[in-house]
Amino acid sequence: MNDQDFRELHQPLHVPAHYDAAAPLKENLAYALADLGEGTADEVIEHLHELSGGDDIEREHACELLELWYKNGMVTANEETTPRKYNLHKITHANGGSVNPHLTAPGLD
């Protein structure tokens, strides 16, 4: 694996702001997962199918992408359920705590 391949494989997952029928499967699959919040591979693919207006989805490739993203830490999964539920593990509620700026290390304010 060369440097370019490594960078491509380990870059953060880009989630588009909206669904685009002309976009590659990778982008639309990421959007569908973000739009759902959490779902099994079948649920994410079904949601993408609905977003696409009923277009055929490359189911096997979509499942491979979700699994690859999971193995590379680009998405997380709830393994307490079977089948596994994928999610972006994003923070949805603001932190209720506060920070005392006088207690932070010098140079971090």
PDB file of N, CA and C in Angstrom:
ATOM      1  N   MET A   1       0.855  -1.175   0.000  1.00  0.00           N
ATOM      2  CA  MET A   1       0.000   0.000   0.000  1.00  0.00           C
ATOM      3  C   MET A   1       0.901   1.238   0.000  1.00  0.00           C
ATOM      4  N   ASN A   2       0.669   2.125  -0.941  1.00  0.00           N
ATOM      5  CA  ASN A   2       1.460   3.354  -0.983  1.00  0.00           C
ATOM      6  C   ASN A   2       0.792   4.443  -0.137  1.00  0.00           C
ATOM      7  N   ASP A   3       1.459   5.588  -0.019  1.00  0.00           N
ATOM      8  CA  ASP A   3       0.944   6.678   0.822  1.00  0.00           C
ATOM      9  C   ASP A   3      -0.431   7.158   0.379  1.00  0.00           C
ATOM     10  N   GLN A   4      -0.634   7.278  -0.924  1.00  0.00           N
ATOM     11  CA  GLN A   4      -1.920   7.762  -1.441  1.00  0.00           C
ATOM     12  C   GLN A   4      -3.050   6.795  -1.088  1.00  0.00           C
ATOM     13  N   ASP A   5      -2.803   5.498  -1.234  1.00  0.00           N
ATOM     14  CA  ASP A   5      -3.813   4.495  -0.879  1.00  0.00           C
ATOM     15  C   ASP A   5      -4.140   4.563   0.610  1.00  0.00           C
ATOM     16  N   PHE A   6      -3.100   4.735   1.429  1.00  0.00           N
ATOM     17  CA  PHE A   6      -3.299   4.829   2.875  1.00  0.00           C
ATOM     18  C   PHE A   6      -4.154   6.043   3.227  1.00  0.00           C
ATOM     19  N   ARG A   7      -3.835   7.182   2.639  1.00  0.00           N
ATOM     20  CA  ARG A   7      -4.604   8.410   2.918  1.00  0.00           C
ATOM     21  C   ARG A   7      -6.060   8.257   2.489  1.00  0.00           C
ATOM     22  N   GLU A   8      -6.278   7.637   1.336  1.00  0.00           N
ATOM     23  CA  GLU A   8      -7.645   7.438   0.836  1.00  0.00           C
ATOM     24  C   GLU A   8      -8.435   6.542   1.785  1.00  0.00           C
ATOM     25  N   LEU A   9      -7.790   5.503   2.265  1.00  0.00           N
ATOM     26  CA  LEU A   9      -8.454   4.532   3.126  1.00  0.00           C
ATOM     27  C   LEU A   9      -8.754   5.087   4.514  1.00  0.00           C
ATOM     28  N   HIS A  10      -7.905   5.969   5.016  1.00  0.00           N
ATOM     29  CA  HIS A  10      -8.035   6.431   6.399  1.00  0.00           C
ATOM     30  C   HIS A  10      -8.453   7.890   6.546  1.00  0.00           C
ATOM     31  N   GLN A  11      -9.020   8.469   5.526  1.00  0.00           N
ATOM     32  CA  GLN A  11      -9.525   9.829   5.675  1.00  0.00           C
ATOM     33  C   GLN A  11     -10.912   9.780   6.317  1.00  0.00           C
ATOM     34  N   PRO A  12     -11.336  10.844   6.976  1.00  0.00           N
ATOM     35  CA  PRO A  12     -12.664  10.849   7.596  1.00  0.00           C
ATOM     36  C   PRO A  12     -13.756  10.675   6.547  1.00  0.00           C
ATOM     37  N   LEU A  13     -14.847  10.085   6.966  1.00  0.00           N
ATOM     38  CA  LEU A  13     -15.978   9.875   6.072  1.00  0.00           C
ATOM     39  C   LEU A  13     -16.643  11.216   5.781  1.00  0.00           C
ATOM     40  N   HIS A  14     -16.787  11.538   4.514  1.00  0.00           N
ATOM     41  CA  HIS A  14     -17.456  12.779   4.111  1.00  0.00           C
ATOM     42  C   HIS A  14     -18.945  12.500   3.968  1.00  0.00           C
ATOM     43  N   VAL A  15     -19.756  13.249   4.692  1.00  0.00           N
ATOM     44  CA  VAL A  15     -21.207  13.106   4.600  1.00  0.00           C
ATOM     45  C   VAL A  15     -21.748  14.322   3.870  1.00  0.00           C
ATOM     46  N   PRO A  16     -22.328  14.124   2.684  1.00  0.00           N
ATOM     47  CA  PRO A  16     -22.870  15.251   1.927  1.00  0.00           C
ATOM     48  C   PRO A  16     -24.041  15.909   2.661  1.00  0.00           C
ATOM     49  N   ALA A  17     -24.290  17.149   2.339  1.00  0.00           N
ATOM     50  CA  ALA A  17     -25.378  17.899   2.975  1.00  0.00           C
ATOM     51  C   ALA A  17     -26.749  17.490   2.454  1.00  0.00           C
ATOM     52  N   HIS A  18     -26.793  16.881   1.265  1.00  0.00           N
ATOM     53  CA  HIS A  18     -28.069  16.464   0.688  1.00  0.00           C
ATOM     54  C   HIS A  18     -27.860  15.277  -0.244  1.00  0.00           C
ATOM     55  N   TYR A  19     -28.948  14.597  -0.562  1.00  0.00           N
ATOM     56  CA  TYR A  19     -28.895  13.467  -1.487  1.00  0.00           C
ATOM     57  C   TYR A  19     -28.730  14.002  -2.902  1.00  0.00           C
ATOM     58  N   ASP A  20     -27.881  13.368  -3.681  1.00  0.00           N
ATOM     59  CA  ASP A  20     -27.649  13.753  -5.072  1.00  0.00           C
ATOM     60  C   ASP A  20     -27.656  12.490  -5.919  1.00  0.00           C
ATOM     61  N   ALA A  21     -28.656  12.357  -6.775  1.00  0.00           N
ATOM     62  CA  ALA A  21     -28.795  11.154  -7.601  1.00  0.00           C
ATOM     63  C   ALA A  21     -27.572  10.910  -8.473  1.00  0.00           C
ATOM     64  N   ALA A  22     -26.838  11.963  -8.815  1.00  0.00           N
ATOM     65  CA  ALA A  22     -25.667  11.823  -9.680  1.00  0.00           C
ATOM     66  C   ALA A  22     -24.395  11.483  -8.894  1.00  0.00           C
ATOM     67  N   ALA A  23     -24.470  11.520  -7.576  1.00  0.00           N
ATOM     68  CA  ALA A  23     -23.286  11.249  -6.743  1.00  0.00           C
ATOM     69  C   ALA A  23     -22.998   9.751  -6.705  1.00  0.00           C
ATOM     70  N   PRO A  24     -21.752   9.388  -6.399  1.00  0.00           N
ATOM     71  CA  PRO A  24     -21.428   7.963  -6.292  1.00  0.00           C
ATOM     72  C   PRO A  24     -22.126   7.309  -5.099  1.00  0.00           C
ATOM     73  N   LEU A  25     -22.221   5.996  -5.147  1.00  0.00           N
ATOM     74  CA  LEU A  25     -22.877   5.232  -4.085  1.00  0.00           C
ATOM     75  C   LEU A  25     -22.285   5.562  -2.715  1.00  0.00           C
ATOM     76  N   LYS A  26     -20.977   5.714  -2.642  1.00  0.00           N
ATOM     77  CA  LYS A  26     -20.296   5.998  -1.372  1.00  0.00           C
ATOM     78  C   LYS A  26     -20.880   7.237  -0.694  1.00  0.00           C
ATOM     79  N   GLU A  27     -21.068   8.308  -1.450  1.00  0.00           N
ATOM     80  CA  GLU A  27     -21.594   9.552  -0.874  1.00  0.00           C
ATOM     81  C   GLU A  27     -23.053   9.407  -0.466  1.00  0.00           C
ATOM     82  N   ASN A  28     -23.858   8.801  -1.334  1.00  0.00           N
ATOM     83  CA  ASN A  28     -25.278   8.671  -1.025  1.00  0.00           C
ATOM     84  C   ASN A  28     -25.528   7.691   0.115  1.00  0.00           C
ATOM     85  N   LEU A  29     -24.694   6.671   0.237  1.00  0.00           N
ATOM     86  CA  LEU A  29     -24.815   5.733   1.349  1.00  0.00           C
ATOM     87  C   LEU A  29     -24.486   6.438   2.670  1.00  0.00           C
ATOM     88  N   ALA A  30     -23.451   7.264   2.667  1.00  0.00           N
ATOM     89  CA  ALA A  30     -23.097   8.036   3.862  1.00  0.00           C
ATOM     90  C   ALA A  30     -24.235   8.983   4.231  1.00  0.00           C
ATOM     91  N   TYR A  31     -24.840   9.617   3.222  1.00  0.00           N
ATOM     92  CA  TYR A  31     -25.963  10.515   3.493  1.00  0.00           C
ATOM     93  C   TYR A  31     -27.138   9.738   4.091  1.00  0.00           C
ATOM     94  N   ALA A  32     -27.451   8.581   3.517  1.00  0.00           N
ATOM     95  CA  ALA A  32     -28.578   7.779   4.002  1.00  0.00           C
ATOM     96  C   ALA A  32     -28.364   7.362   5.456  1.00  0.00           C
ATOM     97  N   LEU A  33     -27.145   6.961   5.802  1.00  0.00           N
ATOM     98  CA  LEU A  33     -26.850   6.578   7.182  1.00  0.00           C
ATOM     99  C   LEU A  33     -26.993   7.778   8.114  1.00  0.00           C
ATOM    100  N   ALA A  34     -26.481   8.919   7.702  1.00  0.00           N
ATOM    101  CA  ALA A  34     -26.593  10.124   8.526  1.00  0.00           C
ATOM    102  C   ALA A  34     -28.052  10.535   8.693  1.00  0.00           C
ATOM    103  N   ASP A  35     -28.831  10.409   7.633  1.00  0.00           N
ATOM    104  CA  ASP A  35     -30.242  10.789   7.667  1.00  0.00           C
ATOM    105  C   ASP A  35     -31.030   9.868   8.602  1.00  0.00           C
ATOM    106  N   LEU A  36     -30.689   8.585   8.604  1.00  0.00           N
ATOM    107  CA  LEU A  36     -31.352   7.626   9.497  1.00  0.00           C
ATOM    108  C   LEU A  36     -30.893   7.776  10.944  1.00  0.00           C
ATOM    109  N   GLY A  37     -29.620   8.062  11.118  1.00  0.00           N
ATOM    110  CA  GLY A  37     -29.044   8.122  12.456  1.00  0.00           C
ATOM    111  C   GLY A  37     -28.412   6.802  12.844  1.00  0.00           C
ATOM    112  N   GLU A  38     -29.145   5.707  12.705  1.00  0.00           N
ATOM    113  CA  GLU A  38     -28.637   4.370  13.004  1.00  0.00           C
ATOM    114  C   GLU A  38     -29.489   3.365  12.261  1.00  0.00           C
ATOM    115  N   GLY A  39     -28.850   2.315  11.758  1.00  0.00           N
ATOM    116  CA  GLY A  39     -29.612   1.279  11.080  1.00  0.00           C
ATOM    117  C   GLY A  39     -28.752   0.107  10.659  1.00  0.00           C
ATOM    118  N   THR A  40     -29.407  -1.025  10.455  1.00  0.00           N
ATOM    119  CA  THR A  40     -28.719  -2.188   9.912  1.00  0.00           C
ATOM    120  C   THR A  40     -28.385  -1.899   8.456  1.00  0.00           C
ATOM    121  N   ALA A  41     -27.560  -2.737   7.863  1.00  0.00           N
ATOM    122  CA  ALA A  41     -27.219  -2.558   6.452  1.00  0.00           C
ATOM    123  C   ALA A  41     -28.494  -2.549   5.612  1.00  0.00           C
ATOM    124  N   ASP A  42     -29.420  -3.464   5.901  1.00  0.00           N
ATOM    125  CA  ASP A  42     -30.671  -3.521   5.135  1.00  0.00           C
ATOM    126  C   ASP A  42     -31.494  -2.252   5.305  1.00  0.00           C
ATOM    127  N   GLU A  43     -31.542  -1.712   6.518  1.00  0.00           N
ATOM    128  CA  GLU A  43     -32.307  -0.483   6.764  1.00  0.00           C
ATOM    129  C   GLU A  43     -31.688   0.710   6.044  1.00  0.00           C
ATOM    130  N   VAL A  44     -30.363   0.801   6.059  1.00  0.00           N
ATOM    131  CA  VAL A  44     -29.685   1.912   5.381  1.00  0.00           C
ATOM    132  C   VAL A  44     -29.902   1.810   3.875  1.00  0.00           C
ATOM    133  N   ILE A  45     -29.787   0.608   3.334  1.00  0.00           N
ATOM    134  CA  ILE A  45     -29.983   0.405   1.894  1.00  0.00           C
ATOM    135  C   ILE A  45     -31.428   0.691   1.510  1.00  0.00           C
ATOM    136  N   GLU A  46     -32.373   0.263   2.328  1.00  0.00           N
ATOM    137  CA  GLU A  46     -33.788   0.538   2.055  1.00  0.00           C
ATOM    138  C   GLU A  46     -34.053   2.041   2.087  1.00  0.00           C
ATOM    139  N   HIS A  47     -33.456   2.746   3.037  1.00  0.00           N
ATOM    140  CA  HIS A  47     -33.629   4.200   3.115  1.00  0.00           C
ATOM    141  C   HIS A  47     -33.029   4.874   1.881  1.00  0.00           C
ATOM    142  N   LEU A  48     -31.877   4.403   1.458  1.00  0.00           N
ATOM    143  CA  LEU A  48     -31.252   4.937   0.245  1.00  0.00           C
ATOM    144  C   LEU A  48     -32.132   4.662  -0.967  1.00  0.00           C
ATOM    145  N   HIS A  49     -32.748   3.494  -1.004  1.00  0.00           N
ATOM    146  CA  HIS A  49     -33.673   3.141  -2.091  1.00  0.00           C
ATOM    147  C   HIS A  49     -34.847   4.127  -2.128  1.00  0.00           C
ATOM    148  N   GLU A  50     -35.381   4.473  -0.963  1.00  0.00           N
ATOM    149  CA  GLU A  50     -36.479   5.446  -0.879  1.00  0.00           C
ATOM    150  C   GLU A  50     -36.019   6.831  -1.323  1.00  0.00           C
ATOM    151  N   LEU A  51     -34.824   7.235  -0.879  1.00  0.00           N
ATOM    152  CA  LEU A  51     -34.294   8.549  -1.263  1.00  0.00           C
ATOM    153  C   LEU A  51     -34.084   8.651  -2.766  1.00  0.00           C
ATOM    154  N   SER A  52     -33.720   7.537  -3.377  1.00  0.00           N
ATOM    155  CA  SER A  52     -33.422   7.539  -4.812  1.00  0.00           C
ATOM    156  C   SER A  52     -34.678   7.457  -5.668  1.00  0.00           C
ATOM    157  N   GLY A  53     -35.832   7.383  -5.033  1.00  0.00           N
ATOM    158  CA  GLY A  53     -37.073   7.301  -5.794  1.00  0.00           C
ATOM    159  C   GLY A  53     -37.319   5.917  -6.367  1.00  0.00           C
ATOM    160  N   GLY A  54     -36.730   4.907  -5.762  1.00  0.00           N
ATOM    161  CA  GLY A  54     -36.959   3.535  -6.197  1.00  0.00           C
ATOM    162  C   GLY A  54     -35.899   2.973  -7.119  1.00  0.00           C
ATOM    163  N   ASP A  55     -34.823   3.723  -7.347  1.00  0.00           N
ATOM    164  CA  ASP A  55     -33.739   3.209  -8.198  1.00  0.00           C
ATOM    165  C   ASP A  55     -33.102   1.981  -7.552  1.00  0.00           C
ATOM    166  N   ASP A  56     -32.567   1.100  -8.393  1.00  0.00           N
ATOM    167  CA  ASP A  56     -31.863  -0.076  -7.889  1.00  0.00           C
ATOM    168  C   ASP A  56     -30.583   0.349  -7.182  1.00  0.00           C
ATOM    169  N   ILE A  57     -30.310  -0.267  -6.055  1.00  0.00           N
ATOM    170  CA  ILE A  57     -29.110   0.013  -5.272  1.00  0.00           C
ATOM    171  C   ILE A  57     -28.207  -1.214  -5.360  1.00  0.00           C
ATOM    172  N   GLU A  58     -26.923  -0.995  -5.546  1.00  0.00           N
ATOM    173  CA  GLU A  58     -25.957  -2.095  -5.571  1.00  0.00           C
ATOM    174  C   GLU A  58     -25.809  -2.615  -4.143  1.00  0.00           C
ATOM    175  N   ARG A  59     -26.717  -3.504  -3.746  1.00  0.00           N
ATOM    176  CA  ARG A  59     -26.824  -3.984  -2.371  1.00  0.00           C
ATOM    177  C   ARG A  59     -25.505  -4.572  -1.854  1.00  0.00           C
ATOM    178  N   GLU A  60     -24.879  -5.436  -2.628  1.00  0.00           N
ATOM    179  CA  GLU A  60     -23.648  -6.089  -2.179  1.00  0.00           C
ATOM    180  C   GLU A  60     -22.529  -5.066  -1.968  1.00  0.00           C
ATOM    181  N   HIS A  61     -22.404  -4.130  -2.904  1.00  0.00           N
ATOM    182  CA  HIS A  61     -21.371  -3.098  -2.778  1.00  0.00           C
ATOM    183  C   HIS A  61     -21.661  -2.196  -1.575  1.00  0.00           C
ATOM    184  N   ALA A  62     -22.923  -1.868  -1.348  1.00  0.00           N
ATOM    185  CA  ALA A  62     -23.299  -1.026  -0.207  1.00  0.00           C
ATOM    186  C   ALA A  62     -22.955  -1.725   1.110  1.00  0.00           C
ATOM    187  N   CYS A  63     -23.236  -3.016   1.201  1.00  0.00           N
ATOM    188  CA  CYS A  63     -22.897  -3.775   2.414  1.00  0.00           C
ATOM    189  C   CYS A  63     -21.388  -3.817   2.622  1.00  0.00           C
ATOM    190  N   GLU A  64     -20.644  -3.994   1.529  1.00  0.00           N
ATOM    191  CA  GLU A  64     -19.182  -4.005   1.615  1.00  0.00           C
ATOM    192  C   GLU A  64     -18.647  -2.658   2.099  1.00  0.00           C
ATOM    193  N   LEU A  65     -19.232  -1.563   1.604  1.00  0.00           N
ATOM    194  CA  LEU A  65     -18.799  -0.228   2.032  1.00  0.00           C
ATOM    195  C   LEU A  65     -19.053  -0.017   3.521  1.00  0.00           C
ATOM    196  N   LEU A  66     -20.248  -0.369   3.988  1.00  0.00           N
ATOM    197  CA  LEU A  66     -20.565  -0.207   5.409  1.00  0.00           C
ATOM    198  C   LEU A  66     -19.599  -1.011   6.274  1.00  0.00           C
ATOM    199  N   GLU A  67     -19.307  -2.237   5.858  1.00  0.00           N
ATOM    200  CA  GLU A  67     -18.390  -3.083   6.632  1.00  0.00           C
ATOM    201  C   GLU A  67     -16.967  -2.525   6.602  1.00  0.00           C
ATOM    202  N   LEU A  68     -16.535  -2.033   5.452  1.00  0.00           N
ATOM    203  CA  LEU A  68     -15.204  -1.428   5.327  1.00  0.00           C
ATOM    204  C   LEU A  68     -15.096  -0.190   6.211  1.00  0.00           C
ATOM    205  N   TRP A  69     -16.125   0.661   6.179  1.00  0.00           N
ATOM    206  CA  TRP A  69     -16.128   1.860   7.019  1.00  0.00           C
ATOM    207  C   TRP A  69     -16.045   1.478   8.490  1.00  0.00           C
ATOM    208  N   TYR A  70     -16.776   0.429   8.866  1.00  0.00           N
ATOM    209  CA  TYR A  70     -16.769  -0.027  10.258  1.00  0.00           C
ATOM    210  C   TYR A  70     -15.385  -0.545  10.650  1.00  0.00           C
ATOM    211  N   LYS A  71     -14.800  -1.373   9.813  1.00  0.00           N
ATOM    212  CA  LYS A  71     -13.480  -1.944  10.111  1.00  0.00           C
ATOM    213  C   LYS A  71     -12.401  -0.869  10.198  1.00  0.00           C
ATOM    214  N   ASN A  72     -12.569   0.222   9.444  1.00  0.00           N
ATOM    215  CA  ASN A  72     -11.584   1.307   9.444  1.00  0.00           C
ATOM    216  C   ASN A  72     -11.924   2.418  10.435  1.00  0.00           C
ATOM    217  N   GLY A  73     -12.959   2.236  11.254  1.00  0.00           N
ATOM    218  CA  GLY A  73     -13.307   3.206  12.278  1.00  0.00           C
ATOM    219  C   GLY A  73     -13.980   4.462  11.756  1.00  0.00           C
ATOM    220  N   MET A  74     -14.492   4.418  10.534  1.00  0.00           N
ATOM    221  CA  MET A  74     -15.149   5.595   9.959  1.00  0.00           C
ATOM    222  C   MET A  74     -16.599   5.704  10.418  1.00  0.00           C
ATOM    223  N   VAL A  75     -17.195   4.576  10.788  1.00  0.00           N
ATOM    224  CA  VAL A  75     -18.516   4.546  11.403  1.00  0.00           C
ATOM    225  C   VAL A  75     -18.415   3.599  12.594  1.00  0.00           C
ATOM    226  N   THR A  76     -19.365   3.688  13.480  1.00  0.00           N
ATOM    227  CA  THR A  76     -19.408   2.766  14.604  1.00  0.00           C
ATOM    228  C   THR A  76     -20.621   1.872  14.439  1.00  0.00           C
ATOM    229  N   ALA A  77     -20.722   0.884  15.301  1.00  0.00           N
ATOM    230  CA  ALA A  77     -21.855  -0.030  15.207  1.00  0.00           C
ATOM    231  C   ALA A  77     -22.272  -0.477  16.596  1.00  0.00           C
ATOM    232  N   ASN A  78     -23.554  -0.693  16.740  1.00  0.00           N
ATOM    233  CA  ASN A  78     -24.111  -1.261  17.956  1.00  0.00           C
ATOM    234  C   ASN A  78     -24.114  -2.769  17.758  1.00  0.00           C
ATOM    235  N   GLU A  79     -23.218  -3.442  18.438  1.00  0.00           N
ATOM    236  CA  GLU A  79     -23.099  -4.886  18.270  1.00  0.00           C
ATOM    237  C   GLU A  79     -23.955  -5.650  19.272  1.00  0.00           C
ATOM    238  N   GLU A  80     -24.725  -4.934  20.082  1.00  0.00           N
ATOM    239  CA  GLU A  80     -25.617  -5.596  21.026  1.00  0.00           C
ATOM    240  C   GLU A  80     -26.843  -6.136  20.310  1.00  0.00           C
ATOM    241  N   THR A  81     -27.049  -5.696  19.088  1.00  0.00           N
ATOM    242  CA  THR A  81     -28.179  -6.162  18.298  1.00  0.00           C
ATOM    243  C   THR A  81     -27.665  -7.033  17.162  1.00  0.00           C
ATOM    244  N   THR A  82     -28.507  -7.939  16.702  1.00  0.00           N
ATOM    245  CA  THR A  82     -28.178  -8.749  15.541  1.00  0.00           C
ATOM    246  C   THR A  82     -29.307  -8.557  14.547  1.00  0.00           C
ATOM    247  N   PRO A  83     -29.022  -8.124  13.338  1.00  0.00           N
ATOM    248  CA  PRO A  83     -27.703  -7.790  12.811  1.00  0.00           C
ATOM    249  C   PRO A  83     -27.190  -6.457  13.369  1.00  0.00           C
ATOM    250  N   ARG A  84     -25.927  -6.216  13.145  1.00  0.00           N
ATOM    251  CA  ARG A  84     -25.231  -5.017  13.623  1.00  0.00           C
ATOM    252  C   ARG A  84     -25.923  -3.758  13.095  1.00  0.00           C
ATOM    253  N   LYS A  85     -26.039  -2.737  13.969  1.00  0.00           N
ATOM    254  CA  LYS A  85     -26.610  -1.444  13.565  1.00  0.00           C
ATOM    255  C   LYS A  85     -25.490  -0.423  13.454  1.00  0.00           C
ATOM    256  N   TYR A  86     -25.336   0.141  12.270  1.00  0.00           N
ATOM    257  CA  TYR A  86     -24.293   1.132  12.003  1.00  0.00           C
ATOM    258  C   TYR A  86     -24.781   2.526  12.373  1.00  0.00           C
ATOM    259  N   ASN A  87     -23.849   3.389  12.787  1.00  0.00           N
ATOM    260  CA  ASN A  87     -24.181   4.788  13.041  1.00  0.00           C
ATOM    261  C   ASN A  87     -22.925   5.629  12.896  1.00  0.00           C
ATOM    262  N   LEU A  88     -23.098   6.936  12.871  1.00  0.00           N
ATOM    263  CA  LEU A  88     -21.963   7.846  12.752  1.00  0.00           C
ATOM    264  C   LEU A  88     -21.438   8.270  14.112  1.00  0.00           C
ATOM    265  N   HIS A  89     -22.094   7.818  15.171  1.00  0.00           N
ATOM    266  CA  HIS A  89     -21.659   8.087  16.537  1.00  0.00           C
ATOM    267  C   HIS A  89     -21.390   9.573  16.753  1.00  0.00           C
ATOM    268  N   LYS A  90     -22.331  10.361  16.310  1.00  0.00           N
ATOM    269  CA  LYS A  90     -22.152  11.801  16.464  1.00  0.00           C
ATOM    270  C   LYS A  90     -22.863  12.289  17.722  1.00  0.00           C
ATOM    271  N   ILE A  91     -22.383  13.366  18.257  1.00  0.00           N
ATOM    272  CA  ILE A  91     -22.987  13.952  19.449  1.00  0.00           C
ATOM    273  C   ILE A  91     -24.251  14.688  19.022  1.00  0.00           C
ATOM    274  N   THR A  92     -25.370  14.336  19.644  1.00  0.00           N
ATOM    275  CA  THR A  92     -26.635  14.966  19.274  1.00  0.00           C
ATOM    276  C   THR A  92     -27.175  15.886  20.360  1.00  0.00           C
ATOM    277  N   HIS A  93     -26.568  15.848  21.554  1.00  0.00           N
ATOM    278  CA  HIS A  93     -27.000  16.718  22.647  1.00  0.00           C
ATOM    279  C   HIS A  93     -25.796  17.523  23.130  1.00  0.00           C
ATOM    280  N   ALA A  94     -26.016  18.797  23.366  1.00  0.00           N
ATOM    281  CA  ALA A  94     -24.928  19.662  23.834  1.00  0.00           C
ATOM    282  C   ALA A  94     -24.453  19.214  25.208  1.00  0.00           C
ATOM    283  N   ASN A  95     -23.181  19.391  25.453  1.00  0.00           N
ATOM    284  CA  ASN A  95     -22.601  19.090  26.752  1.00  0.00           C
ATOM    285  C   ASN A  95     -23.171  20.067  27.773  1.00  0.00           C
ATOM    286  N   GLY A  96     -23.646  19.561  28.882  1.00  0.00           N
ATOM    287  CA  GLY A  96     -24.252  20.408  29.896  1.00  0.00           C
ATOM    288  C   GLY A  96     -23.252  20.978  30.886  1.00  0.00           C
ATOM    289  N   GLY A  97     -21.998  20.570  30.784  1.00  0.00           N
ATOM    290  CA  GLY A  97     -20.977  21.022  31.723  1.00  0.00           C
ATOM    291  C   GLY A  97     -20.434  22.391  31.371  1.00  0.00           C
ATOM    292  N   SER A  98     -19.522  22.850  32.188  1.00  0.00           N
ATOM    293  CA  SER A  98     -18.876  24.135  31.925  1.00  0.00           C
ATOM    294  C   SER A  98     -17.390  24.008  32.228  1.00  0.00           C
ATOM    295  N   VAL A  99     -16.631  24.989  31.789  1.00  0.00           N
ATOM    296  CA  VAL A  99     -15.185  24.998  31.985  1.00  0.00           C
ATOM    297  C   VAL A  99     -14.811  26.272  32.727  1.00  0.00           C
ATOM    298  N   ASN A 100     -13.968  26.123  33.733  1.00  0.00           N
ATOM    299  CA  ASN A 100     -13.441  27.280  34.434  1.00  0.00           C
ATOM    300  C   ASN A 100     -12.167  27.686  33.701  1.00  0.00           C
ATOM    301  N   PRO A 101     -12.172  28.807  32.981  1.00  0.00           N
ATOM    302  CA  PRO A 101     -11.006  29.184  32.184  1.00  0.00           C
ATOM    303  C   PRO A 101      -9.754  29.434  33.017  1.00  0.00           C
ATOM    304  N   HIS A 102      -9.912  29.679  34.309  1.00  0.00           N
ATOM    305  CA  HIS A 102      -8.752  29.922  35.173  1.00  0.00           C
ATOM    306  C   HIS A 102      -8.017  28.625  35.527  1.00  0.00           C
ATOM    307  N   LEU A 103      -8.669  27.480  35.279  1.00  0.00           N
ATOM    308  CA  LEU A 103      -8.052  26.201  35.611  1.00  0.00           C
ATOM    309  C   LEU A 103      -7.451  25.499  34.402  1.00  0.00           C
ATOM    310  N   THR A 104      -7.579  26.079  33.227  1.00  0.00           N
ATOM    311  CA  THR A 104      -7.004  25.447  32.039  1.00  0.00           C
ATOM    312  C   THR A 104      -5.502  25.673  31.996  1.00  0.00           C
ATOM    313  N   ALA A 105      -4.829  24.811  31.288  1.00  0.00           N
ATOM    314  CA  ALA A 105      -3.372  24.930  31.158  1.00  0.00           C
ATOM    315  C   ALA A 105      -3.035  26.194  30.380  1.00  0.00           C
ATOM    316  N   PRO A 106      -1.930  26.838  30.708  1.00  0.00           N
ATOM    317  CA  PRO A 106      -1.532  28.054  29.981  1.00  0.00           C
ATOM    318  C   PRO A 106      -1.402  27.777  28.485  1.00  0.00           C
ATOM    319  N   GLY A 107      -1.897  28.703  27.692  1.00  0.00           N
ATOM    320  CA  GLY A 107      -1.804  28.580  26.241  1.00  0.00           C
ATOM    321  C   GLY A 107      -2.961  27.844  25.609  1.00  0.00           C
ATOM    322  N   LEU A 108      -3.872  27.284  26.401  1.00  0.00           N
ATOM    323  CA  LEU A 108      -5.006  26.555  25.846  1.00  0.00           C
ATOM    324  C   LEU A 108      -6.281  27.385  25.811  1.00  0.00           C
ATOM    325  N   ASP A 109      -6.215  28.623  26.256  1.00  0.00           N
ATOM    326  CA  ASP A 109      -7.426  29.445  26.284  1.00  0.00           C
ATOM    327  C   ASP A 109      -7.633  30.206  25.019  1.00  0.00           C
TER     328      ASP A 109
END
